[in-house]
């Protein structure tokens, strides 16, 4: 078995991970080779929240299943907590807490407390340590008052918080969370994000998501994954800076009274500006989107065009580049 993690060693590192599988489109048809992960290399420092951001089917879940020993890599190597995921799989599992997407992994007929006690025994913990850890983790995720209720009566958000408590029960140094807020309502997702943010720097977190806001808010480093490859990597600010030269200006106007075509033509004539619209809100107000490099010049030209047409301005917004813009820039397409 490998030695434990050295002081300067990354919590997670992967080199050229690849995963193939075979599928049939229909019974008795010829098997087809599917490359779920083509070539993934990444390094996650201890104490950070590292995000893997990408659309559904990009290869995020396959990657974390290889890192958590649930799948064997077709090629490449990976180490978690200093242990090789293939040769030292049992040591890797002891060092990890894993939350996979979906509702599986909890027993609905048991209470939250009994679920955690059961999993504590599976982790090989002693009874006294289990009692202490269960109380601590239920308090951490805000489920103490509902600890005796059957899990089948829990909301989706409560179940996800219980999943997090289960992953933390044996106090692992590293957590892998696969789309932990998927399917949650906005309030429940916000609560869970706060709990995840509080895990660093005492824990290392590898988080997969296709939620741009979630990745931007939580992650110190982000790898954008598409079609089994990391297509860009860096801090949220570094990724957004790749497209910072172009900003979106949203101009909403007062009643057009049949002047929409003339306004659209005037906007289209502004140099070095890409125009889309008009779009109409529930009140019938029109707005145009102007993509530009020089926002001041674009705004001056747009306001001049509106004055010429005798159209009043309702609101103007300048929208800074987002992670979705960064993905579009590197992948050449929007999130699916």
Protein backbone atom coordinates (compact mmCIF):
# COMPACT_ATOMS: atom_id res chain seq x y z
CA UNK A 1 0.00 0.00 0.00
CA UNK A 2 1.16 3.55 -0.73
CA UNK A 3 2.23 5.87 2.05
CA UNK A 4 -0.22 8.44 3.39
CA UNK A 5 -0.46 11.91 1.92
CA UNK A 6 2.73 13.94 2.19
CA UNK A 7 2.54 17.59 3.34
CA UNK A 8 2.84 19.11 -0.14
CA UNK A 9 1.11 16.32 -2.06
CA UNK A 10 -2.19 17.14 -3.81
CA UNK A 11 -5.37 15.72 -2.35
CA UNK A 12 -6.41 14.45 -5.80
CA UNK A 13 -4.38 14.09 -8.97
CA UNK A 14 -5.25 12.42 -12.25
CA UNK A 15 -3.13 11.90 -15.35
CA UNK A 16 -4.60 11.06 -18.77
CA UNK A 17 -7.67 9.27 -17.40
CA UNK A 18 -9.69 7.49 -20.06
CA UNK A 19 -12.79 5.35 -19.88
CA UNK A 20 -14.36 3.30 -22.66
CA UNK A 21 -17.47 1.18 -22.56
CA UNK A 22 -19.50 -0.80 -25.05
CA UNK A 23 -23.17 -0.50 -25.87
CA UNK A 24 -25.74 -1.89 -28.30
CA UNK A 25 -28.31 0.38 -29.90
CA UNK A 26 -30.74 -2.56 -30.01
CA UNK A 27 -30.76 -6.27 -29.11
CA UNK A 28 -28.36 -8.41 -31.18
CA UNK A 29 -26.93 -5.30 -32.89
CA UNK A 30 -23.19 -4.93 -33.16
CA UNK A 31 -21.57 -3.42 -30.08
CA UNK A 32 -20.35 0.15 -30.37
CA UNK A 33 -17.41 1.63 -28.51
CA UNK A 34 -18.26 4.76 -26.49
CA UNK A 35 -15.50 6.99 -25.12
CA UNK A 36 -17.07 8.55 -22.01
CA UNK A 37 -13.79 10.13 -20.87
CA UNK A 38 -11.12 10.79 -23.49
CA UNK A 39 -8.22 12.36 -21.59
CA UNK A 40 -8.67 14.00 -18.18
CA UNK A 41 -5.75 15.36 -16.15
CA UNK A 42 -6.25 17.50 -13.06
CA UNK A 43 -4.72 18.41 -9.71
CA UNK A 44 -6.72 19.38 -6.62
CA UNK A 45 -4.85 21.03 -3.77
CA UNK A 46 -5.74 20.20 -0.19
CA UNK A 47 -8.32 22.43 1.48
CA UNK A 48 -9.88 23.80 -1.70
CA UNK A 49 -13.22 23.42 -3.46
CA UNK A 50 -12.50 22.35 -7.03
CA UNK A 51 -15.32 22.34 -9.54
CA UNK A 52 -15.85 20.28 -12.66
CA UNK A 53 -18.31 22.24 -14.76
CA UNK A 54 -19.91 20.94 -17.91
CA UNK A 55 -23.17 19.99 -19.62
CA UNK A 56 -24.90 16.67 -19.03
CA UNK A 57 -22.97 13.84 -20.68
CA UNK A 58 -19.65 15.71 -20.63
CA UNK A 59 -17.87 12.97 -18.63
CA UNK A 60 -17.97 14.53 -15.15
CA UNK A 61 -19.72 11.66 -13.36
CA UNK A 62 -17.62 9.01 -15.10
CA UNK A 63 -14.48 10.84 -13.96
CA UNK A 64 -15.50 11.01 -10.32
CA UNK A 65 -16.56 7.36 -10.36
CA UNK A 66 -13.03 6.48 -11.45
CA UNK A 67 -11.56 8.70 -8.72
CA UNK A 68 -13.80 7.10 -6.08
CA UNK A 69 -12.96 3.51 -7.22
CA UNK A 70 -16.47 2.79 -8.52
CA UNK A 71 -15.10 2.41 -12.07
CA UNK A 72 -11.69 1.19 -13.19
CA UNK A 73 -9.95 3.51 -15.67
CA UNK A 74 -9.42 2.12 -19.15
CA UNK A 75 -6.13 4.05 -19.21
CA UNK A 76 -4.31 6.64 -17.14
CA UNK A 77 -3.59 6.92 -13.42
CA UNK A 78 -5.10 8.69 -10.43
CA UNK A 79 -4.20 9.15 -6.78
CA UNK A 80 -6.54 10.22 -3.98
CA UNK A 81 -5.09 11.13 -0.55
CA UNK A 82 -1.79 9.73 -1.81
CA UNK A 83 -3.23 6.34 -2.73
CA UNK A 84 -3.55 4.82 -6.18
CA UNK A 85 -7.22 4.35 -7.07
CA UNK A 86 -6.61 0.91 -8.60
CA UNK A 87 -3.89 -0.64 -6.42
CA UNK A 88 -4.96 0.95 -3.11
CA UNK A 89 -8.71 1.13 -3.59
CA UNK A 90 -9.63 0.31 0.03
CA UNK A 91 -7.38 3.07 1.36
CA UNK A 92 -8.91 5.49 -1.13
CA UNK A 93 -12.42 4.65 0.10
CA UNK A 94 -11.42 5.23 3.73
CA UNK A 95 -10.20 8.71 2.76
CA UNK A 96 -13.33 9.69 0.85
CA UNK A 97 -16.86 10.81 1.46
CA UNK A 98 -18.95 10.54 -1.70
CA UNK A 99 -22.34 12.02 -2.57
CA UNK A 100 -23.68 10.82 -5.92
CA UNK A 101 -26.63 12.44 -7.65
CA UNK A 102 -30.07 10.92 -7.18
CA UNK A 103 -32.17 9.57 -4.31
CA UNK A 104 -30.46 6.21 -3.86
CA UNK A 105 -28.22 5.37 -0.92
CA UNK A 106 -30.62 5.98 1.97
CA UNK A 107 -33.15 3.66 3.62
CA UNK A 108 -36.57 5.31 3.58
CA UNK A 109 -38.12 3.15 6.32
CA UNK A 110 -35.36 4.13 8.76
CA UNK A 111 -34.99 7.44 10.53
CA UNK A 112 -32.14 9.79 9.67
CA UNK A 113 -30.41 8.84 12.92
CA UNK A 114 -30.74 5.09 12.26
CA UNK A 115 -29.48 5.55 8.69
CA UNK A 116 -26.31 7.21 9.99
CA UNK A 117 -25.83 4.62 12.73
CA UNK A 118 -26.09 1.85 10.13
CA UNK A 119 -23.56 3.49 7.81
CA UNK A 120 -21.26 4.21 10.74
CA UNK A 121 -21.04 0.47 11.40
CA UNK A 122 -20.38 -0.14 7.69
CA UNK A 123 -17.51 2.35 7.92
CA UNK A 124 -16.07 0.23 10.76
CA UNK A 125 -16.54 2.91 13.42
CA UNK A 126 -16.90 2.02 17.11
CA UNK A 127 -20.31 2.45 18.73
CA UNK A 128 -19.26 5.35 20.99
CA UNK A 129 -17.68 7.17 18.05
CA UNK A 130 -20.82 6.58 15.96
CA UNK A 131 -23.10 8.12 18.60
CA UNK A 132 -20.93 11.23 18.82
CA UNK A 133 -20.48 11.57 15.05
CA UNK A 134 -24.19 11.09 14.30
CA UNK A 135 -25.19 13.87 16.70
CA UNK A 136 -22.48 16.20 15.31
CA UNK A 137 -23.31 15.62 11.64
CA UNK A 138 -27.08 15.93 12.11
CA UNK A 139 -26.48 19.25 13.84
CA UNK A 140 -24.10 20.33 11.08
CA UNK A 141 -26.68 19.80 8.33
CA UNK A 142 -29.62 21.12 10.35
CA UNK A 143 -31.54 17.87 10.79
CA UNK A 144 -31.37 17.39 14.57
CA UNK A 145 -35.04 18.19 15.12
CA UNK A 146 -36.11 15.69 12.41
CA UNK A 147 -33.52 13.03 13.28
CA UNK A 148 -36.15 10.54 14.48
CA UNK A 149 -38.40 10.87 11.42
CA UNK A 150 -38.45 8.29 8.65
CA UNK A 151 -36.42 9.40 5.65
CA UNK A 152 -39.28 8.50 3.28
CA UNK A 153 -41.07 11.59 4.60
CA UNK A 154 -38.14 13.92 3.91
CA UNK A 155 -38.10 16.52 1.18
CA UNK A 156 -35.51 16.28 -1.60
CA UNK A 157 -33.42 18.97 0.06
CA UNK A 158 -33.47 17.19 3.44
CA UNK A 159 -32.38 13.95 1.79
CA UNK A 160 -29.46 15.72 0.11
CA UNK A 161 -28.40 17.18 3.47
CA UNK A 162 -28.59 13.70 4.98
CA UNK A 163 -26.44 12.40 2.11
CA UNK A 164 -23.86 15.04 3.03
CA UNK A 165 -24.00 14.03 6.70
CA UNK A 166 -23.46 10.40 5.70
CA UNK A 167 -20.44 11.33 3.57
CA UNK A 168 -18.93 13.28 6.50
CA UNK A 169 -19.72 10.68 9.15
CA UNK A 170 -16.30 9.00 9.28
CA UNK A 171 -14.55 12.40 8.99
CA UNK A 172 -12.83 11.84 5.63
CA UNK A 173 -10.34 14.51 4.50
CA UNK A 174 -11.73 14.53 0.94
CA UNK A 175 -15.29 14.80 -0.34
CA UNK A 176 -16.57 14.12 -3.85
CA UNK A 177 -19.97 15.64 -4.54
CA UNK A 178 -21.71 14.84 -7.82
CA UNK A 179 -24.27 17.54 -8.65
CA UNK A 180 -25.42 17.73 -5.01
CA UNK A 181 -28.07 20.43 -5.58
CA UNK A 182 -29.68 18.94 -8.70
CA UNK A 183 -33.45 18.91 -8.45
CA UNK A 184 -33.59 21.16 -5.38
CA UNK A 185 -35.73 24.25 -5.17
CA UNK A 186 -33.75 27.54 -5.03
CA UNK A 187 -34.01 27.94 -1.23
CA UNK A 188 -32.89 24.35 -0.53
CA UNK A 189 -30.05 24.65 -3.04
CA UNK A 190 -28.86 27.86 -1.38
CA UNK A 191 -28.87 26.20 2.05
CA UNK A 192 -26.88 23.23 0.79
CA UNK A 193 -24.36 25.49 -0.97
CA UNK A 194 -23.72 27.31 2.30
CA UNK A 195 -22.99 23.98 4.00
CA UNK A 196 -20.63 22.95 1.19
CA UNK A 197 -18.81 26.30 1.31
CA UNK A 198 -18.20 25.84 5.04
CA UNK A 199 -16.35 22.53 4.45
CA UNK A 200 -13.20 24.28 3.18
CA UNK A 201 -10.41 24.53 4.20
CA UNK A 202 -10.75 21.68 6.72
CA UNK A 203 -11.85 19.40 3.88
CA UNK A 204 -10.98 19.13 0.20
CA UNK A 205 -14.04 19.10 -2.05
CA UNK A 206 -14.31 17.96 -5.67
CA UNK A 207 -17.67 19.19 -6.92
CA UNK A 208 -19.31 18.40 -10.25
CA UNK A 209 -22.10 20.59 -11.53
CA UNK A 210 -23.71 22.02 -14.63
CA UNK A 211 -24.96 25.02 -12.64
CA UNK A 212 -22.92 28.10 -13.61
CA UNK A 213 -23.96 30.10 -10.53
CA UNK A 214 -23.05 27.25 -8.21
CA UNK A 215 -19.59 26.82 -9.69
CA UNK A 216 -18.91 30.56 -9.64
CA UNK A 217 -20.03 30.92 -6.01
CA UNK A 218 -18.33 27.87 -4.50
CA UNK A 219 -15.21 26.96 -6.43
CA UNK A 220 -11.67 28.28 -6.09
CA UNK A 221 -10.65 26.46 -9.26
CA UNK A 222 -12.84 25.18 -12.11
CA UNK A 223 -12.21 22.71 -14.91
CA UNK A 224 -14.67 23.07 -17.79
CA UNK A 225 -15.34 19.61 -19.23
CA UNK A 226 -16.84 18.89 -22.62
CA UNK A 227 -17.06 15.61 -24.54
CA UNK A 228 -14.67 13.82 -22.18
CA UNK A 229 -11.95 16.50 -22.20
CA UNK A 230 -10.99 19.45 -20.02
CA UNK A 231 -11.33 22.35 -22.45
CA UNK A 232 -10.39 25.13 -20.00
CA UNK A 233 -9.22 25.42 -16.41
CA UNK A 234 -8.55 28.22 -13.93
CA UNK A 235 -10.22 30.40 -11.33
CA UNK A 236 -13.71 31.71 -12.16
CA UNK A 237 -12.19 35.14 -12.77
CA UNK A 238 -9.51 33.74 -15.10
CA UNK A 239 -12.08 31.83 -17.13
CA UNK A 240 -14.38 34.82 -17.46
CA UNK A 241 -11.42 37.04 -18.36
CA UNK A 242 -11.01 34.97 -21.54
CA UNK A 243 -14.16 36.62 -22.87
CA UNK A 244 -14.01 39.87 -20.92
CA UNK A 245 -13.34 41.89 -24.06
CA UNK A 246 -16.99 41.51 -25.08
CA UNK A 247 -19.85 42.60 -22.86
CA UNK A 248 -23.59 42.45 -23.31
CA UNK A 249 -25.58 45.67 -23.11
CA UNK A 250 -29.35 45.25 -22.67
CA UNK A 251 -31.36 48.28 -23.80
CA UNK A 252 -35.08 48.27 -22.94
CA UNK A 253 -37.19 50.97 -24.57
CA UNK A 254 -40.54 52.63 -24.15
CA UNK A 255 -43.47 52.08 -26.53
CA UNK A 256 -42.26 51.64 -30.12
CA UNK A 257 -45.49 52.46 -31.93
CA UNK A 258 -44.43 50.64 -35.08
CA UNK A 259 -40.82 51.88 -35.07
CA UNK A 260 -39.20 48.51 -34.21
CA UNK A 261 -37.81 47.92 -37.75
CA UNK A 262 -36.26 51.41 -37.88
CA UNK A 263 -34.68 50.99 -34.42
CA UNK A 264 -33.35 47.53 -35.34
CA UNK A 265 -31.78 48.94 -38.53
CA UNK A 266 -30.19 51.81 -36.61
CA UNK A 267 -28.72 49.43 -34.03
CA UNK A 268 -27.45 47.08 -36.75
CA UNK A 269 -25.54 49.99 -38.31
CA UNK A 270 -23.43 50.57 -35.18
CA UNK A 271 -19.82 49.49 -35.96
CA UNK A 272 -18.32 46.47 -34.16
CA UNK A 273 -21.57 45.63 -32.37
CA UNK A 274 -23.54 42.38 -32.68
CA UNK A 275 -27.25 42.99 -32.20
CA UNK A 276 -30.05 40.59 -31.29
CA UNK A 277 -33.70 41.42 -30.69
CA UNK A 278 -36.10 42.85 -30.16
CA UNK A 279 -37.53 40.65 -27.41
CA UNK A 280 -40.69 41.60 -25.54
CA UNK A 281 -41.46 41.28 -21.84
CA UNK A 282 -44.87 40.60 -20.27
CA UNK A 283 -45.79 44.30 -20.51
CA UNK A 284 -44.97 44.43 -24.20
CA UNK A 285 -41.81 46.50 -23.73
CA UNK A 286 -39.08 45.78 -26.27
CA UNK A 287 -35.40 45.22 -25.54
CA UNK A 288 -32.30 44.68 -27.62
CA UNK A 289 -29.04 42.92 -26.72
CA UNK A 290 -25.84 44.55 -27.98
CA UNK A 291 -22.59 42.54 -27.81
CA UNK A 292 -19.67 44.95 -27.90
CA UNK A 293 -16.04 45.57 -26.95
CA UNK A 294 -16.33 49.30 -26.19
CA UNK A 295 -19.47 49.68 -24.07
CA UNK A 296 -19.21 53.48 -23.90
CA UNK A 297 -19.07 53.86 -27.69
CA UNK A 298 -21.89 51.33 -28.16
CA UNK A 299 -24.11 53.06 -25.61
CA UNK A 300 -23.50 56.49 -27.12
CA UNK A 301 -24.40 55.20 -30.57
CA UNK A 302 -27.47 53.31 -29.31
CA UNK A 303 -28.82 56.33 -27.41
CA UNK A 304 -28.22 58.57 -30.41
CA UNK A 305 -30.14 56.11 -32.62
CA UNK A 306 -33.06 56.03 -30.17
CA UNK A 307 -33.20 59.83 -29.99
CA UNK A 308 -33.24 60.01 -33.78
CA UNK A 309 -36.22 57.63 -33.86
CA UNK A 310 -37.96 59.45 -31.02
CA UNK A 311 -37.96 56.37 -28.78
CA UNK A 312 -37.47 56.71 -25.02
CA UNK A 313 -35.20 54.49 -22.92
CA UNK A 314 -36.69 52.46 -20.09
CA UNK A 315 -33.59 50.72 -18.66
CA UNK A 316 -29.98 49.97 -19.61
CA UNK A 317 -27.99 47.07 -18.15
CA UNK A 318 -24.38 46.07 -18.76
CA UNK A 319 -23.86 42.33 -18.19
CA UNK A 320 -20.35 41.12 -17.46
CA UNK A 321 -19.14 37.85 -19.06
CA UNK A 322 -20.28 34.68 -17.30
CA UNK A 323 -18.94 31.15 -17.05
CA UNK A 324 -21.43 30.20 -19.75
CA UNK A 325 -19.81 32.79 -22.02
CA UNK A 326 -16.43 31.22 -21.19
CA UNK A 327 -17.75 27.78 -22.11
CA UNK A 328 -19.13 29.13 -25.36
CA UNK A 329 -15.78 30.72 -26.14
CA UNK A 330 -13.75 27.53 -25.60
CA UNK A 331 -16.27 24.92 -26.77
CA UNK A 332 -17.90 26.84 -29.58
CA UNK A 333 -21.41 26.04 -28.34
CA UNK A 334 -23.76 26.77 -25.47
CA UNK A 335 -24.48 24.38 -22.61
CA UNK A 336 -26.91 21.66 -23.62
